[in-house]
Amino acid sequence: MSIICFDVTIESILESESNKQDKYDKCNRVDILVKSQNNELVLLEVQNDSEIDYFQRMLYGVSKLVTEYIKEGEPYGTIKKIYSINIIYLDGSALQLGQGKDYVHEYKGEFVGSHEYDTLLPTTLQKQDYKVEKISDIFPTRKQTH
């Protein structure tokens, strides 16, 4: 199975501490940053440790790239799409990423399995700690107002 269906060029390989702006900045542990032919950014991260807040970490990494790749005065329309590919070792512990049957999930408002088509659900611990029923409750949403 192919994860991405377009050619990419490695933009940079980052160390876990290399992209901190100052000592208080959160560490965005992007392992490889690549660009597509359309200058879209692709984050490729390999994670071996369980983290209950990994979804928030994914959100932070993408958000940080958005802010790093737009310059002051540039129109917001120049922001390119960012793909976040996370290869995560899930050992079945209580701190695992989520609950689901599939081993590949794509975010489409929810994390949907590519083979079993199941929706990845938060673990009991994530539900308790973050007061969410669905993983999508962790991510920003836009409310329509009229």
N, C-alpha and C. Protein backbone atom coordinates (compact mmCIF):
# COMPACT_ATOMS: atom_id res chain seq x y z
N MET A 1 0.83 -1.18 0.00
CA MET A 1 0.00 0.00 0.00
C MET A 1 0.88 1.25 0.00
N SER A 2 0.57 2.18 -0.84
CA SER A 2 1.30 3.44 -0.91
C SER A 2 0.67 4.44 0.05
N ILE A 3 1.49 5.15 0.80
CA ILE A 3 0.98 6.15 1.74
C ILE A 3 0.65 7.45 1.01
N ILE A 4 1.53 7.87 0.10
CA ILE A 4 1.27 9.07 -0.71
C ILE A 4 1.41 8.69 -2.17
N CYS A 5 0.67 9.36 -3.00
CA CYS A 5 0.63 9.00 -4.42
C CYS A 5 1.20 10.11 -5.30
N PHE A 6 2.30 10.72 -4.87
CA PHE A 6 2.95 11.74 -5.68
C PHE A 6 4.42 11.78 -5.30
N ASP A 7 5.23 12.30 -6.21
CA ASP A 7 6.66 12.40 -5.97
C ASP A 7 6.95 13.48 -4.94
N VAL A 8 7.96 13.23 -4.11
CA VAL A 8 8.36 14.21 -3.10
C VAL A 8 9.87 14.38 -3.11
N THR A 9 10.32 15.51 -2.59
CA THR A 9 11.74 15.80 -2.44
C THR A 9 12.00 16.07 -0.96
N ILE A 10 13.05 15.47 -0.41
CA ILE A 10 13.36 15.73 1.00
C ILE A 10 13.80 17.18 1.14
N GLU A 11 13.09 17.90 1.99
CA GLU A 11 13.39 19.30 2.28
C GLU A 11 14.43 19.38 3.38
N SER A 12 14.22 18.62 4.45
CA SER A 12 15.19 18.60 5.53
C SER A 12 14.92 17.41 6.44
N ILE A 13 15.96 16.98 7.12
CA ILE A 13 15.85 15.96 8.15
C ILE A 13 16.14 16.68 9.45
N LEU A 14 15.18 16.61 10.37
CA LEU A 14 15.28 17.39 11.60
C LEU A 14 15.53 16.48 12.79
N GLU A 15 16.33 16.98 13.71
CA GLU A 15 16.50 16.30 14.98
C GLU A 15 15.36 16.71 15.90
N SER A 16 15.16 15.97 16.96
CA SER A 16 14.04 16.27 17.86
C SER A 16 14.15 17.64 18.51
N GLU A 17 15.35 18.15 18.73
CA GLU A 17 15.52 19.43 19.38
C GLU A 17 15.81 20.56 18.40
N SER A 18 16.02 20.26 17.13
CA SER A 18 16.57 21.25 16.21
C SER A 18 15.62 22.35 15.81
N ASN A 19 14.32 22.15 15.96
CA ASN A 19 13.42 23.18 15.48
C ASN A 19 12.77 23.96 16.62
N LYS A 20 13.40 23.98 17.78
CA LYS A 20 12.93 24.81 18.87
C LYS A 20 13.41 26.25 18.64
N GLN A 21 12.51 27.19 18.81
CA GLN A 21 12.87 28.59 18.68
C GLN A 21 13.58 29.09 19.94
N ASP A 22 13.15 28.61 21.11
CA ASP A 22 13.80 28.95 22.37
C ASP A 22 13.63 27.77 23.32
N LYS A 23 14.22 27.85 24.52
CA LYS A 23 14.23 26.71 25.43
C LYS A 23 12.84 26.36 25.97
N TYR A 24 11.86 27.28 25.86
CA TYR A 24 10.50 27.01 26.35
C TYR A 24 9.57 26.50 25.25
N ASP A 25 10.02 26.53 24.01
CA ASP A 25 9.20 26.09 22.89
C ASP A 25 8.97 24.60 22.96
N LYS A 26 7.77 24.18 22.57
CA LYS A 26 7.49 22.75 22.49
C LYS A 26 8.35 22.15 21.41
N CYS A 27 8.76 20.93 21.60
CA CYS A 27 9.60 20.25 20.64
C CYS A 27 8.73 19.52 19.63
N ASN A 28 8.81 19.91 18.39
CA ASN A 28 8.08 19.26 17.30
C ASN A 28 9.00 18.20 16.73
N ARG A 29 8.75 16.94 17.01
CA ARG A 29 9.69 15.88 16.67
C ARG A 29 9.48 15.36 15.25
N VAL A 30 9.50 16.22 14.30
CA VAL A 30 9.40 15.81 12.91
C VAL A 30 10.70 15.14 12.51
N ASP A 31 10.60 13.96 11.97
CA ASP A 31 11.81 13.26 11.56
C ASP A 31 12.24 13.67 10.16
N ILE A 32 11.30 13.74 9.22
CA ILE A 32 11.64 14.12 7.85
C ILE A 32 10.58 15.11 7.34
N LEU A 33 11.03 16.17 6.72
CA LEU A 33 10.14 17.14 6.08
C LEU A 33 10.41 17.07 4.58
N VAL A 34 9.36 16.80 3.80
CA VAL A 34 9.51 16.71 2.35
C VAL A 34 8.52 17.65 1.69
N LYS A 35 8.78 17.97 0.42
CA LYS A 35 7.89 18.81 -0.37
C LYS A 35 7.42 18.04 -1.59
N SER A 36 6.15 18.27 -1.97
CA SER A 36 5.61 17.67 -3.18
C SER A 36 5.96 18.55 -4.37
N GLN A 37 5.57 18.11 -5.58
CA GLN A 37 5.82 18.91 -6.78
C GLN A 37 5.10 20.25 -6.71
N ASN A 38 4.01 20.33 -5.94
CA ASN A 38 3.22 21.56 -5.81
C ASN A 38 3.63 22.38 -4.58
N ASN A 39 4.82 22.09 -4.03
CA ASN A 39 5.33 22.76 -2.84
C ASN A 39 4.47 22.52 -1.60
N GLU A 40 3.66 21.46 -1.60
CA GLU A 40 2.93 21.08 -0.41
C GLU A 40 3.93 20.41 0.54
N LEU A 41 3.71 20.57 1.84
CA LEU A 41 4.63 20.01 2.82
C LEU A 41 4.11 18.67 3.33
N VAL A 42 5.03 17.75 3.56
CA VAL A 42 4.69 16.44 4.11
C VAL A 42 5.57 16.21 5.34
N LEU A 43 4.94 16.03 6.50
CA LEU A 43 5.64 15.68 7.73
C LEU A 43 5.63 14.17 7.84
N LEU A 44 6.77 13.58 8.04
CA LEU A 44 6.86 12.14 8.24
C LEU A 44 7.50 11.91 9.60
N GLU A 45 6.76 11.34 10.52
CA GLU A 45 7.25 11.15 11.88
C GLU A 45 7.12 9.69 12.26
N VAL A 46 8.15 9.17 12.89
CA VAL A 46 8.13 7.82 13.42
C VAL A 46 8.13 7.94 14.93
N GLN A 47 7.17 7.28 15.58
CA GLN A 47 7.00 7.39 17.03
C GLN A 47 7.01 5.99 17.63
N ASN A 48 7.86 5.79 18.61
CA ASN A 48 7.95 4.48 19.25
C ASN A 48 7.35 4.48 20.65
N ASP A 49 7.21 5.62 21.28
CA ASP A 49 6.68 5.69 22.64
C ASP A 49 5.20 6.05 22.62
N SER A 50 4.46 5.50 23.56
CA SER A 50 3.03 5.83 23.68
C SER A 50 2.89 7.20 24.34
N GLU A 51 2.00 8.01 23.80
CA GLU A 51 1.70 9.32 24.37
C GLU A 51 0.21 9.51 24.32
N ILE A 52 -0.40 9.77 25.46
CA ILE A 52 -1.85 9.94 25.50
C ILE A 52 -2.28 11.17 24.70
N ASP A 53 -1.42 12.18 24.60
CA ASP A 53 -1.77 13.42 23.90
C ASP A 53 -1.17 13.48 22.49
N TYR A 54 -0.98 12.33 21.86
CA TYR A 54 -0.34 12.31 20.53
C TYR A 54 -1.17 13.04 19.48
N PHE A 55 -2.51 13.00 19.56
CA PHE A 55 -3.33 13.72 18.58
C PHE A 55 -3.07 15.22 18.68
N GLN A 56 -2.96 15.73 19.90
CA GLN A 56 -2.64 17.15 20.09
C GLN A 56 -1.24 17.44 19.55
N ARG A 57 -0.33 16.51 19.72
CA ARG A 57 1.03 16.68 19.20
C ARG A 57 1.02 16.76 17.67
N MET A 58 0.21 15.91 17.03
CA MET A 58 0.09 15.96 15.57
C MET A 58 -0.43 17.33 15.14
N LEU A 59 -1.44 17.81 15.82
CA LEU A 59 -2.03 19.11 15.52
C LEU A 59 -1.01 20.23 15.69
N TYR A 60 -0.23 20.16 16.76
CA TYR A 60 0.80 21.17 17.02
C TYR A 60 1.85 21.18 15.90
N GLY A 61 2.31 19.98 15.49
CA GLY A 61 3.33 19.90 14.45
C GLY A 61 2.88 20.52 13.14
N VAL A 62 1.64 20.25 12.74
CA VAL A 62 1.12 20.82 11.50
C VAL A 62 0.93 22.32 11.65
N SER A 63 0.39 22.74 12.78
CA SER A 63 0.17 24.18 13.01
C SER A 63 1.49 24.95 12.99
N LYS A 64 2.51 24.37 13.59
CA LYS A 64 3.82 25.03 13.62
C LYS A 64 4.38 25.19 12.20
N LEU A 65 4.20 24.17 11.38
CA LEU A 65 4.68 24.28 9.99
C LEU A 65 3.95 25.38 9.24
N VAL A 66 2.64 25.49 9.46
CA VAL A 66 1.87 26.56 8.80
C VAL A 66 2.48 27.91 9.13
N THR A 67 2.78 28.13 10.41
CA THR A 67 3.31 29.43 10.81
C THR A 67 4.75 29.65 10.37
N GLU A 68 5.54 28.57 10.27
CA GLU A 68 6.93 28.70 9.84
C GLU A 68 7.07 28.95 8.34
N TYR A 69 6.09 28.53 7.55
CA TYR A 69 6.22 28.63 6.10
C TYR A 69 5.37 29.73 5.48
N ILE A 70 4.93 30.68 6.29
CA ILE A 70 4.30 31.88 5.74
C ILE A 70 5.05 33.08 6.31
N LYS A 71 5.37 33.99 5.45
CA LYS A 71 6.15 35.16 5.86
C LYS A 71 5.22 36.33 6.14
N GLU A 72 5.70 37.23 6.97
CA GLU A 72 4.92 38.42 7.30
C GLU A 72 4.56 39.17 6.03
N GLY A 73 3.30 39.55 5.91
CA GLY A 73 2.84 40.29 4.75
C GLY A 73 2.34 39.41 3.61
N GLU A 74 2.65 38.14 3.63
CA GLU A 74 2.17 37.23 2.57
C GLU A 74 0.67 37.01 2.77
N PRO A 75 -0.08 36.91 1.68
CA PRO A 75 -1.51 36.61 1.82
C PRO A 75 -1.70 35.17 2.34
N TYR A 76 -2.72 34.95 3.14
CA TYR A 76 -2.99 33.63 3.68
C TYR A 76 -3.27 32.61 2.59
N GLY A 77 -3.67 33.07 1.44
CA GLY A 77 -3.92 32.18 0.30
C GLY A 77 -2.67 31.46 -0.18
N THR A 78 -1.49 31.89 0.27
CA THR A 78 -0.26 31.22 -0.15
C THR A 78 0.05 29.99 0.70
N ILE A 79 -0.73 29.77 1.77
CA ILE A 79 -0.50 28.60 2.61
C ILE A 79 -0.80 27.35 1.80
N LYS A 80 0.17 26.44 1.77
CA LYS A 80 0.03 25.19 1.02
C LYS A 80 -0.54 24.11 1.93
N LYS A 81 -1.12 23.11 1.31
CA LYS A 81 -1.63 21.97 2.06
C LYS A 81 -0.48 21.26 2.74
N ILE A 82 -0.71 20.77 3.95
CA ILE A 82 0.28 20.02 4.70
C ILE A 82 -0.27 18.63 4.98
N TYR A 83 0.51 17.63 4.66
CA TYR A 83 0.18 16.23 4.96
C TYR A 83 0.99 15.82 6.17
N SER A 84 0.36 15.14 7.10
CA SER A 84 1.05 14.64 8.28
C SER A 84 0.95 13.12 8.26
N ILE A 85 2.10 12.46 8.12
CA ILE A 85 2.14 11.00 8.10
C ILE A 85 2.86 10.56 9.37
N ASN A 86 2.15 9.82 10.19
CA ASN A 86 2.68 9.39 11.48
C ASN A 86 2.73 7.87 11.50
N ILE A 87 3.93 7.34 11.65
CA ILE A 87 4.12 5.90 11.76
C ILE A 87 4.34 5.63 13.24
N ILE A 88 3.37 4.96 13.85
CA ILE A 88 3.32 4.86 15.30
C ILE A 88 3.28 3.40 15.72
N TYR A 89 4.11 3.06 16.68
CA TYR A 89 4.10 1.73 17.26
C TYR A 89 3.06 1.69 18.37
N LEU A 90 2.05 0.86 18.21
CA LEU A 90 1.02 0.71 19.22
C LEU A 90 1.18 -0.66 19.87
N ASP A 91 1.47 -0.67 21.16
CA ASP A 91 1.71 -1.93 21.84
C ASP A 91 0.52 -2.47 22.60
N GLY A 92 -0.63 -1.84 22.48
CA GLY A 92 -1.82 -2.30 23.19
C GLY A 92 -1.89 -1.81 24.63
N SER A 93 -0.99 -0.93 25.03
CA SER A 93 -1.01 -0.43 26.40
C SER A 93 -2.15 0.57 26.59
N ALA A 94 -2.38 0.93 27.84
CA ALA A 94 -3.43 1.88 28.16
C ALA A 94 -3.15 3.25 27.55
N LEU A 95 -1.88 3.54 27.23
CA LEU A 95 -1.52 4.84 26.67
C LEU A 95 -1.50 4.83 25.14
N GLN A 96 -2.08 3.81 24.53
CA GLN A 96 -2.04 3.74 23.07
C GLN A 96 -2.78 4.92 22.45
N LEU A 97 -2.58 5.09 21.15
CA LEU A 97 -3.10 6.25 20.44
C LEU A 97 -4.62 6.31 20.41
N GLY A 98 -5.26 5.21 20.15
CA GLY A 98 -6.71 5.17 20.07
C GLY A 98 -7.16 3.72 19.99
N GLN A 99 -8.46 3.53 19.81
CA GLN A 99 -9.00 2.18 19.72
C GLN A 99 -9.60 1.98 18.34
N GLY A 100 -9.11 0.96 17.63
CA GLY A 100 -9.64 0.64 16.31
C GLY A 100 -9.07 -0.66 15.80
N LYS A 101 -9.71 -1.21 14.78
CA LYS A 101 -9.28 -2.49 14.21
C LYS A 101 -8.17 -2.32 13.18
N ASP A 102 -8.19 -1.23 12.46
CA ASP A 102 -7.30 -1.04 11.33
C ASP A 102 -5.90 -0.64 11.77
N TYR A 103 -4.94 -0.77 10.86
CA TYR A 103 -3.57 -0.35 11.17
C TYR A 103 -3.16 0.89 10.36
N VAL A 104 -3.99 1.34 9.44
CA VAL A 104 -3.77 2.58 8.70
C VAL A 104 -5.06 3.38 8.78
N HIS A 105 -4.96 4.61 9.27
CA HIS A 105 -6.12 5.49 9.37
C HIS A 105 -5.83 6.80 8.66
N GLU A 106 -6.83 7.33 7.99
CA GLU A 106 -6.73 8.62 7.31
C GLU A 106 -7.72 9.58 7.94
N TYR A 107 -7.29 10.81 8.17
CA TYR A 107 -8.18 11.80 8.80
C TYR A 107 -9.11 12.40 7.75
N LYS A 108 -10.40 12.20 7.95
CA LYS A 108 -11.44 12.75 7.07
C LYS A 108 -12.54 13.34 7.96
N GLY A 109 -12.15 14.19 8.88
CA GLY A 109 -13.08 14.66 9.91
C GLY A 109 -13.09 13.70 11.09
N GLU A 110 -12.81 12.47 10.83
CA GLU A 110 -12.56 11.39 11.79
C GLU A 110 -11.40 10.59 11.22
N PHE A 111 -10.74 9.80 12.05
CA PHE A 111 -9.70 8.90 11.53
C PHE A 111 -10.38 7.61 11.10
N VAL A 112 -10.43 7.39 9.78
CA VAL A 112 -11.13 6.24 9.20
C VAL A 112 -10.09 5.23 8.70
N GLY A 113 -10.31 3.96 9.04
CA GLY A 113 -9.40 2.90 8.63
C GLY A 113 -9.42 2.68 7.13
N SER A 114 -8.25 2.44 6.57
CA SER A 114 -8.12 2.25 5.12
C SER A 114 -8.50 0.85 4.67
N HIS A 115 -8.56 -0.10 5.58
CA HIS A 115 -8.86 -1.49 5.21
C HIS A 115 -10.18 -1.96 5.83
N GLU A 116 -10.36 -1.71 7.11
CA GLU A 116 -11.56 -2.14 7.83
C GLU A 116 -12.65 -1.06 7.82
N TYR A 117 -12.27 0.17 7.45
CA TYR A 117 -13.18 1.32 7.39
C TYR A 117 -13.82 1.63 8.75
N ASP A 118 -13.13 1.27 9.83
CA ASP A 118 -13.61 1.59 11.15
C ASP A 118 -13.17 3.00 11.52
N THR A 119 -13.85 3.60 12.47
CA THR A 119 -13.48 4.92 12.97
C THR A 119 -12.65 4.73 14.22
N LEU A 120 -11.46 5.34 14.24
CA LEU A 120 -10.59 5.27 15.40
C LEU A 120 -11.24 6.05 16.54
N LEU A 121 -11.34 5.43 17.68
CA LEU A 121 -11.98 6.04 18.84
C LEU A 121 -10.94 6.36 19.91
N PRO A 122 -11.22 7.34 20.76
CA PRO A 122 -10.28 7.62 21.85
C PRO A 122 -10.31 6.48 22.87
N THR A 123 -9.19 6.31 23.55
CA THR A 123 -9.14 5.32 24.62
C THR A 123 -9.93 5.85 25.82
N THR A 124 -10.20 4.99 26.76
CA THR A 124 -10.91 5.40 27.98
C THR A 124 -10.15 6.51 28.69
N LEU A 125 -8.83 6.38 28.76
CA LEU A 125 -7.99 7.40 29.42
C LEU A 125 -8.07 8.73 28.67
N GLN A 126 -8.05 8.70 27.34
CA GLN A 126 -8.18 9.94 26.56
C GLN A 126 -9.55 10.58 26.79
N LYS A 127 -10.58 9.77 26.84
CA LYS A 127 -11.94 10.30 27.09
C LYS A 127 -11.99 11.00 28.44
N GLN A 128 -11.40 10.38 29.45
CA GLN A 128 -11.41 10.95 30.79
C GLN A 128 -10.58 12.23 30.87
N ASP A 129 -9.34 12.16 30.37
CA ASP A 129 -8.43 13.30 30.50
C ASP A 129 -8.82 14.49 29.65
N TYR A 130 -9.36 14.25 28.46
CA TYR A 130 -9.63 15.35 27.52
C TYR A 130 -11.10 15.63 27.33
N LYS A 131 -11.96 14.91 28.04
CA LYS A 131 -13.42 15.14 27.99
C LYS A 131 -13.93 15.12 26.55
N VAL A 132 -13.54 14.08 25.81
CA VAL A 132 -13.97 13.92 24.42
C VAL A 132 -14.64 12.56 24.25
N GLU A 133 -15.55 12.49 23.31
CA GLU A 133 -16.19 11.22 22.95
C GLU A 133 -15.66 10.71 21.62
N LYS A 134 -15.19 11.65 20.78
CA LYS A 134 -14.64 11.30 19.47
C LYS A 134 -13.28 11.98 19.34
N ILE A 135 -12.41 11.39 18.56
CA ILE A 135 -11.09 11.99 18.35
C ILE A 135 -11.22 13.34 17.66
N SER A 136 -12.21 13.47 16.79
CA SER A 136 -12.39 14.75 16.09
C SER A 136 -12.70 15.89 17.06
N ASP A 137 -13.17 15.58 18.27
CA ASP A 137 -13.42 16.61 19.28
C ASP A 137 -12.13 17.29 19.74
N ILE A 138 -10.99 16.66 19.49
CA ILE A 138 -9.70 17.22 19.86
C ILE A 138 -9.27 18.32 18.88
N PHE A 139 -9.67 18.19 17.62
CA PHE A 139 -9.21 19.06 16.55
C PHE A 139 -10.11 20.29 16.41
N PRO A 140 -9.56 21.40 15.91
CA PRO A 140 -10.38 22.61 15.74
C PRO A 140 -11.54 22.37 14.77
N THR A 141 -12.64 23.02 15.05
CA THR A 141 -13.79 22.97 14.15
C THR A 141 -14.24 24.39 13.87
N ARG A 142 -14.97 24.53 12.80
CA ARG A 142 -15.48 25.85 12.42
C ARG A 142 -16.99 25.82 12.54
N LYS A 143 -17.55 26.69 13.33
CA LYS A 143 -18.99 26.78 13.49
C LYS A 143 -19.53 27.74 12.45
N GLN A 144 -20.55 27.31 11.74
CA GLN A 144 -21.24 28.19 10.79
C GLN A 144 -22.20 29.08 11.55
N THR A 145 -22.13 30.37 11.32
CA THR A 145 -23.10 31.29 11.91
C THR A 145 -23.73 32.08 10.77
N HIS A 146 -24.96 32.37 10.96
CA HIS A 146 -25.68 33.11 9.90
C HIS A 146 -26.08 34.47 10.39
